[in-house]
Amino acid sequence: MCLLLGATGVGKTLLVKRLQKLSSRDGKGDLGDLPPTRPTVGTNLTDIVAQRRITIRELGGCMGPIWSSYYGNCHSLLFMVDTSNPTQLSASCVQLLALLSAEQLAEASVLILFNKIDLPCYMTIEEIKSLIRLPDLIACAKQNITTVEISAWKGTGLSEVLRWLEDTHRTNG
């Protein structure tokens, strides 16, 4: 099981829909029109079928206080950050710290997704890494942490996300 977490409005639902479409095309080709999305209240389960079936459980950002109820059986974690929203960054950092310190997630592989890089006002990865002290987080975390810049809207970086999921679930179950 893969958990997809992040604050409200960061683009989790669009990411899952785009990954599903991308996996059905073997990681190639046009993603087509943007699928309709609405804020997730609760949880969505989506299967991505690539080299094997990977179930992604997306939890709505408003469910942050009870995310820990879903940590069991989590092999991988996608944590999404909105690079276009500097006011949300500190809350995202607190959420990430809580996830990385959770015992149930100590063995999970973590992919931090810096989304919305297509927007002209987005922060650079260097600015975000500095603000959330990412090198220190990675050095102190028990988990294997990878980062990627994406645009769920335009599809940038999604093949990297799909490859990471395939590689992680090949080794982790």
Foldseek 3Di string as FASTA:
>chain_A
DEEEAEAWPLCRVLLLLQQQQCQVVQNDDDSDDRDDDDFDAAWDWDWRQHVHTDIYIYGGNVCLVPVVVVLAPHQAYEYEDEQQDPVCLVVSLVSVVVQQPDPSCLNHAYEYEHEDPVDPRGDDPVVSCVVSVVVVSCVPGSHHYHYDYYYSNRGPPSSVVSVVSVVSVVPRD
